Amino acid sequence: MISVKKYRELLIANPESLQRALRVLPHEIQREIDNPHPAGTSPKVIKDLQKRLDAAREIAAIRATA
């Protein structure tokens, strides 16, 4: 997986990716909550997905005010 910093740069450069992230990431987080990984890595995955969703929401909020 790419770093959150690189992901943020990708979202800034591509508005379609930003819209997709805002639409898909909440479902991915919920899917991970509903169906946890047997190895116990779900908390880390959820935390990473949440960071990416927070970055997407932050960028969307900035664009909405601009």
PDB file of N, CA and C in Angstrom:
ATOM      1  N   MET A   1       0.839  -1.175   0.000  1.00  0.00           N
ATOM      2  CA  MET A   1       0.000   0.000   0.000  1.00  0.00           C
ATOM      3  C   MET A   1       0.886   1.241   0.000  1.00  0.00           C
ATOM      4  N   ILE A   2       0.423   2.290  -0.662  1.00  0.00           N
ATOM      5  CA  ILE A   2       1.205   3.518  -0.689  1.00  0.00           C
ATOM      6  C   ILE A   2       0.984   4.302   0.600  1.00  0.00           C
ATOM      7  N   SER A   3       1.889   5.214   0.880  1.00  0.00           N
ATOM      8  CA  SER A   3       1.779   6.006   2.100  1.00  0.00           C
ATOM      9  C   SER A   3       0.598   6.965   2.007  1.00  0.00           C
ATOM     10  N   VAL A   4       0.138   7.423   3.145  1.00  0.00           N
ATOM     11  CA  VAL A   4      -0.985   8.361   3.175  1.00  0.00           C
ATOM     12  C   VAL A   4      -0.585   9.675   2.497  1.00  0.00           C
ATOM     13  N   LYS A   5       0.660  10.076   2.642  1.00  0.00           N
ATOM     14  CA  LYS A   5       1.127  11.299   2.002  1.00  0.00           C
ATOM     15  C   LYS A   5       1.016  11.191   0.482  1.00  0.00           C
ATOM     16  N   LYS A   6       1.483  10.095  -0.085  1.00  0.00           N
ATOM     17  CA  LYS A   6       1.387   9.881  -1.533  1.00  0.00           C
ATOM     18  C   LYS A   6      -0.071   9.758  -1.969  1.00  0.00           C
ATOM     19  N   TYR A   7      -0.893   9.115  -1.138  1.00  0.00           N
ATOM     20  CA  TYR A   7      -2.311   8.967  -1.442  1.00  0.00           C
ATOM     21  C   TYR A   7      -2.982  10.338  -1.484  1.00  0.00           C
ATOM     22  N   ARG A   8      -2.615  11.193  -0.546  1.00  0.00           N
ATOM     23  CA  ARG A   8      -3.163  12.553  -0.512  1.00  0.00           C
ATOM     24  C   ARG A   8      -2.774  13.303  -1.789  1.00  0.00           C
ATOM     25  N   GLU A   9      -1.524  13.168  -2.223  1.00  0.00           N
ATOM     26  CA  GLU A   9      -1.077  13.821  -3.453  1.00  0.00           C
ATOM     27  C   GLU A   9      -1.860  13.299  -4.656  1.00  0.00           C
ATOM     28  N   LEU A  10      -2.125  11.997  -4.680  1.00  0.00           N
ATOM     29  CA  LEU A  10      -2.902  11.402  -5.753  1.00  0.00           C
ATOM     30  C   LEU A  10      -4.320  11.976  -5.777  1.00  0.00           C
ATOM     31  N   LEU A  11      -4.922  12.112  -4.610  1.00  0.00           N
ATOM     32  CA  LEU A  11      -6.279  12.647  -4.536  1.00  0.00           C
ATOM     33  C   LEU A  11      -6.335  14.112  -4.959  1.00  0.00           C
ATOM     34  N   ILE A  12      -5.323  14.869  -4.611  1.00  0.00           N
ATOM     35  CA  ILE A  12      -5.283  16.282  -4.995  1.00  0.00           C
ATOM     36  C   ILE A  12      -5.181  16.405  -6.510  1.00  0.00           C
ATOM     37  N   ALA A  13      -4.396  15.541  -7.126  1.00  0.00           N
ATOM     38  CA  ALA A  13      -4.156  15.613  -8.569  1.00  0.00           C
ATOM     39  C   ALA A  13      -5.336  15.097  -9.386  1.00  0.00           C
ATOM     40  N   ASN A  14      -6.165  14.241  -8.820  1.00  0.00           N
ATOM     41  CA  ASN A  14      -7.227  13.611  -9.592  1.00  0.00           C
ATOM     42  C   ASN A  14      -8.566  13.702  -8.860  1.00  0.00           C
ATOM     43  N   PRO A  15      -9.429  14.630  -9.252  1.00  0.00           N
ATOM     44  CA  PRO A  15     -10.731  14.788  -8.586  1.00  0.00           C
ATOM     45  C   PRO A  15     -11.614  13.535  -8.668  1.00  0.00           C
ATOM     46  N   GLU A  16     -11.487  12.751  -9.731  1.00  0.00           N
ATOM     47  CA  GLU A  16     -12.278  11.518  -9.837  1.00  0.00           C
ATOM     48  C   GLU A  16     -11.876  10.519  -8.754  1.00  0.00           C
ATOM     49  N   SER A  17     -10.594  10.447  -8.476  1.00  0.00           N
ATOM     50  CA  SER A  17     -10.120   9.556  -7.412  1.00  0.00           C
ATOM     51  C   SER A  17     -10.628  10.011  -6.052  1.00  0.00           C
ATOM     52  N   LEU A  18     -10.705  11.318  -5.872  1.00  0.00           N
ATOM     53  CA  LEU A  18     -11.219  11.857  -4.616  1.00  0.00           C
ATOM     54  C   LEU A  18     -12.675  11.452  -4.423  1.00  0.00           C
ATOM     55  N   GLN A  19     -13.493  11.618  -5.459  1.00  0.00           N
ATOM     56  CA  GLN A  19     -14.900  11.237  -5.362  1.00  0.00           C
ATOM     57  C   GLN A  19     -15.056   9.735  -5.117  1.00  0.00           C
ATOM     58  N   ARG A  20     -14.232   8.948  -5.781  1.00  0.00           N
ATOM     59  CA  ARG A  20     -14.275   7.494  -5.597  1.00  0.00           C
ATOM     60  C   ARG A  20     -13.894   7.122  -4.170  1.00  0.00           C
ATOM     61  N   ALA A  21     -12.864   7.763  -3.637  1.00  0.00           N
ATOM     62  CA  ALA A  21     -12.423   7.469  -2.270  1.00  0.00           C
ATOM     63  C   ALA A  21     -13.521   7.793  -1.261  1.00  0.00           C
ATOM     64  N   LEU A  22     -14.178   8.926  -1.460  1.00  0.00           N
ATOM     65  CA  LEU A  22     -15.254   9.311  -0.544  1.00  0.00           C
ATOM     66  C   LEU A  22     -16.431   8.339  -0.618  1.00  0.00           C
ATOM     67  N   ARG A  23     -16.628   7.742  -1.761  1.00  0.00           N
ATOM     68  CA  ARG A  23     -17.729   6.808  -1.952  1.00  0.00           C
ATOM     69  C   ARG A  23     -17.374   5.393  -1.466  1.00  0.00           C
ATOM     70  N   VAL A  24     -16.140   4.946  -1.687  1.00  0.00           N
ATOM     71  CA  VAL A  24     -15.775   3.546  -1.466  1.00  0.00           C
ATOM     72  C   VAL A  24     -15.196   3.276  -0.074  1.00  0.00           C
ATOM     73  N   LEU A  25     -14.386   4.177   0.438  1.00  0.00           N
ATOM     74  CA  LEU A  25     -13.692   3.906   1.708  1.00  0.00           C
ATOM     75  C   LEU A  25     -14.631   3.611   2.880  1.00  0.00           C
ATOM     76  N   PRO A  26     -15.760   4.326   3.046  1.00  0.00           N
ATOM     77  CA  PRO A  26     -16.651   3.951   4.160  1.00  0.00           C
ATOM     78  C   PRO A  26     -17.157   2.510   4.056  1.00  0.00           C
ATOM     79  N   HIS A  27     -17.422   2.058   2.839  1.00  0.00           N
ATOM     80  CA  HIS A  27     -17.877   0.680   2.648  1.00  0.00           C
ATOM     81  C   HIS A  27     -16.756  -0.321   2.946  1.00  0.00           C
ATOM     82  N   GLU A  28     -15.538   0.028   2.558  1.00  0.00           N
ATOM     83  CA  GLU A  28     -14.399  -0.851   2.845  1.00  0.00           C
ATOM     84  C   GLU A  28     -14.173  -0.965   4.358  1.00  0.00           C
ATOM     85  N   ILE A  29     -14.296   0.141   5.063  1.00  0.00           N
ATOM     86  CA  ILE A  29     -14.133   0.113   6.523  1.00  0.00           C
ATOM     87  C   ILE A  29     -15.210  -0.759   7.149  1.00  0.00           C
ATOM     88  N   GLN A  30     -16.461  -0.571   6.713  1.00  0.00           N
ATOM     89  CA  GLN A  30     -17.555  -1.370   7.265  1.00  0.00           C
ATOM     90  C   GLN A  30     -17.390  -2.847   6.950  1.00  0.00           C
ATOM     91  N   ARG A  31     -16.918  -3.151   5.752  1.00  0.00           N
ATOM     92  CA  ARG A  31     -16.692  -4.548   5.376  1.00  0.00           C
ATOM     93  C   ARG A  31     -15.621  -5.184   6.262  1.00  0.00           C
ATOM     94  N   GLU A  32     -14.589  -4.422   6.579  1.00  0.00           N
ATOM     95  CA  GLU A  32     -13.519  -4.930   7.450  1.00  0.00           C
ATOM     96  C   GLU A  32     -14.025  -5.143   8.875  1.00  0.00           C
ATOM     97  N   ILE A  33     -14.920  -4.273   9.321  1.00  0.00           N
ATOM     98  CA  ILE A  33     -15.507  -4.423  10.657  1.00  0.00           C
ATOM     99  C   ILE A  33     -16.409  -5.655  10.707  1.00  0.00           C
ATOM    100  N   ASP A  34     -17.225  -5.832   9.670  1.00  0.00           N
ATOM    101  CA  ASP A  34     -18.181  -6.938   9.632  1.00  0.00           C
ATOM    102  C   ASP A  34     -17.518  -8.298   9.432  1.00  0.00           C
ATOM    103  N   ASN A  35     -16.386  -8.319   8.736  1.00  0.00           N
ATOM    104  CA  ASN A  35     -15.728  -9.579   8.400  1.00  0.00           C
ATOM    105  C   ASN A  35     -14.243  -9.485   8.745  1.00  0.00           C
ATOM    106  N   PRO A  36     -13.898  -9.559  10.028  1.00  0.00           N
ATOM    107  CA  PRO A  36     -12.497  -9.394  10.432  1.00  0.00           C
ATOM    108  C   PRO A  36     -11.586 -10.497   9.895  1.00  0.00           C
ATOM    109  N   HIS A  37     -10.357 -10.143   9.663  1.00  0.00           N
ATOM    110  CA  HIS A  37      -9.359 -11.081   9.144  1.00  0.00           C
ATOM    111  C   HIS A  37      -8.964 -12.051  10.250  1.00  0.00           C
ATOM    112  N   PRO A  38      -8.868 -13.344   9.945  1.00  0.00           N
ATOM    113  CA  PRO A  38      -8.528 -14.345  10.975  1.00  0.00           C
ATOM    114  C   PRO A  38      -7.168 -14.122  11.646  1.00  0.00           C
ATOM    115  N   ALA A  39      -6.243 -13.472  10.942  1.00  0.00           N
ATOM    116  CA  ALA A  39      -4.918 -13.249  11.519  1.00  0.00           C
ATOM    117  C   ALA A  39      -4.913 -12.107  12.535  1.00  0.00           C
ATOM    118  N   GLY A  40      -6.020 -11.417  12.667  1.00  0.00           N
ATOM    119  CA  GLY A  40      -6.102 -10.345  13.651  1.00  0.00           C
ATOM    120  C   GLY A  40      -5.552  -9.015  13.177  1.00  0.00           C
ATOM    121  N   THR A  41      -5.420  -8.823  11.877  1.00  0.00           N
ATOM    122  CA  THR A  41      -4.861  -7.571  11.350  1.00  0.00           C
ATOM    123  C   THR A  41      -5.919  -6.508  11.098  1.00  0.00           C
ATOM    124  N   SER A  42      -7.174  -6.803  11.357  1.00  0.00           N
ATOM    125  CA  SER A  42      -8.255  -5.861  11.054  1.00  0.00           C
ATOM    126  C   SER A  42      -8.091  -4.496  11.722  1.00  0.00           C
ATOM    127  N   PRO A  43      -7.697  -4.397  12.993  1.00  0.00           N
ATOM    128  CA  PRO A  43      -7.546  -3.062  13.591  1.00  0.00           C
ATOM    129  C   PRO A  43      -6.546  -2.185  12.831  1.00  0.00           C
ATOM    130  N   LYS A  44      -5.449  -2.773  12.374  1.00  0.00           N
ATOM    131  CA  LYS A  44      -4.461  -2.004  11.614  1.00  0.00           C
ATOM    132  C   LYS A  44      -5.028  -1.573  10.269  1.00  0.00           C
ATOM    133  N   VAL A  45      -5.745  -2.466   9.620  1.00  0.00           N
ATOM    134  CA  VAL A  45      -6.335  -2.164   8.319  1.00  0.00           C
ATOM    135  C   VAL A  45      -7.379  -1.058   8.463  1.00  0.00           C
ATOM    136  N   ILE A  46      -8.226  -1.178   9.465  1.00  0.00           N
ATOM    137  CA  ILE A  46      -9.261  -0.172   9.696  1.00  0.00           C
ATOM    138  C   ILE A  46      -8.626   1.183   9.989  1.00  0.00           C
ATOM    139  N   LYS A  47      -7.588   1.201  10.789  1.00  0.00           N
ATOM    140  CA  LYS A  47      -6.898   2.451  11.113  1.00  0.00           C
ATOM    141  C   LYS A  47      -6.322   3.092   9.847  1.00  0.00           C
ATOM    142  N   ASP A  48      -5.709   2.288   8.980  1.00  0.00           N
ATOM    143  CA  ASP A  48      -5.134   2.813   7.745  1.00  0.00           C
ATOM    144  C   ASP A  48      -6.224   3.341   6.809  1.00  0.00           C
ATOM    145  N   LEU A  49      -7.307   2.581   6.662  1.00  0.00           N
ATOM    146  CA  LEU A  49      -8.410   3.045   5.818  1.00  0.00           C
ATOM    147  C   LEU A  49      -9.023   4.332   6.362  1.00  0.00           C
ATOM    148  N   GLN A  50      -9.125   4.437   7.684  1.00  0.00           N
ATOM    149  CA  GLN A  50      -9.685   5.640   8.300  1.00  0.00           C
ATOM    150  C   GLN A  50      -8.790   6.847   8.040  1.00  0.00           C
ATOM    151  N   LYS A  51      -7.480   6.662   8.088  1.00  0.00           N
ATOM    152  CA  LYS A  51      -6.558   7.755   7.781  1.00  0.00           C
ATOM    153  C   LYS A  51      -6.752   8.243   6.355  1.00  0.00           C
ATOM    154  N   ARG A  52      -6.942   7.307   5.437  1.00  0.00           N
ATOM    155  CA  ARG A  52      -7.150   7.663   4.029  1.00  0.00           C
ATOM    156  C   ARG A  52      -8.485   8.376   3.832  1.00  0.00           C
ATOM    157  N   LEU A  53      -9.514   7.921   4.526  1.00  0.00           N
ATOM    158  CA  LEU A  53     -10.816   8.583   4.449  1.00  0.00           C
ATOM    159  C   LEU A  53     -10.739   9.984   5.034  1.00  0.00           C
ATOM    160  N   ASP A  54     -10.036  10.142   6.143  1.00  0.00           N
ATOM    161  CA  ASP A  54      -9.860  11.475   6.743  1.00  0.00           C
ATOM    162  C   ASP A  54      -9.144  12.413   5.784  1.00  0.00           C
ATOM    163  N   ALA A  55      -8.120  11.918   5.089  1.00  0.00           N
ATOM    164  CA  ALA A  55      -7.391  12.736   4.123  1.00  0.00           C
ATOM    165  C   ALA A  55      -8.310  13.148   2.981  1.00  0.00           C
ATOM    166  N   ALA A  56      -9.120  12.225   2.490  1.00  0.00           N
ATOM    167  CA  ALA A  56     -10.047  12.530   1.394  1.00  0.00           C
ATOM    168  C   ALA A  56     -11.083  13.558   1.832  1.00  0.00           C
ATOM    169  N   ARG A  57     -11.606  13.420   3.029  1.00  0.00           N
ATOM    170  CA  ARG A  57     -12.598  14.379   3.541  1.00  0.00           C
ATOM    171  C   ARG A  57     -11.970  15.759   3.719  1.00  0.00           C
ATOM    172  N   GLU A  58     -10.735  15.795   4.177  1.00  0.00           N
ATOM    173  CA  GLU A  58     -10.033  17.071   4.358  1.00  0.00           C
ATOM    174  C   GLU A  58      -9.864  17.782   3.010  1.00  0.00           C
ATOM    175  N   ILE A  59      -9.446  17.056   2.007  1.00  0.00           N
ATOM    176  CA  ILE A  59      -9.266  17.640   0.671  1.00  0.00           C
ATOM    177  C   ILE A  59     -10.604  18.106   0.107  1.00  0.00           C
ATOM    178  N   ALA A  60     -11.647  17.304   0.287  1.00  0.00           N
ATOM    179  CA  ALA A  60     -12.980  17.673  -0.194  1.00  0.00           C
ATOM    180  C   ALA A  60     -13.480  18.935   0.500  1.00  0.00           C
ATOM    181  N   ALA A  61     -13.222  19.062   1.796  1.00  0.00           N
ATOM    182  CA  ALA A  61     -13.645  20.242   2.535  1.00  0.00           C
ATOM    183  C   ALA A  61     -12.911  21.493   2.040  1.00  0.00           C
ATOM    184  N   ILE A  62     -11.629  21.349   1.768  1.00  0.00           N
ATOM    185  CA  ILE A  62     -10.841  22.479   1.258  1.00  0.00           C
ATOM    186  C   ILE A  62     -11.358  22.904  -0.113  1.00  0.00           C
ATOM    187  N   ARG A  63     -11.652  21.932  -0.958  1.00  0.00           N
ATOM    188  CA  ARG A  63     -12.159  22.261  -2.304  1.00  0.00           C
ATOM    189  C   ARG A  63     -13.543  22.885  -2.238  1.00  0.00           C
ATOM    190  N   ALA A  64     -14.339  22.481  -1.268  1.00  0.00           N
ATOM    191  CA  ALA A  64     -15.698  23.018  -1.133  1.00  0.00           C
ATOM    192  C   ALA A  64     -15.667  24.491  -0.728  1.00  0.00           C
ATOM    193  N   THR A  65     -14.655  24.882   0.045  1.00  0.00           N
ATOM    194  CA  THR A  65     -14.584  26.265   0.506  1.00  0.00           C
ATOM    195  C   THR A  65     -13.848  27.149  -0.503  1.00  0.00           C
ATOM    196  N   ALA A  66     -13.140  26.545  -1.437  1.00  0.00           N
ATOM    197  CA  ALA A  66     -12.356  27.335  -2.400  1.00  0.00           C
ATOM    198  C   ALA A  66     -13.203  27.807  -3.556  1.00  0.00           C
TER     199      ALA A  66
END
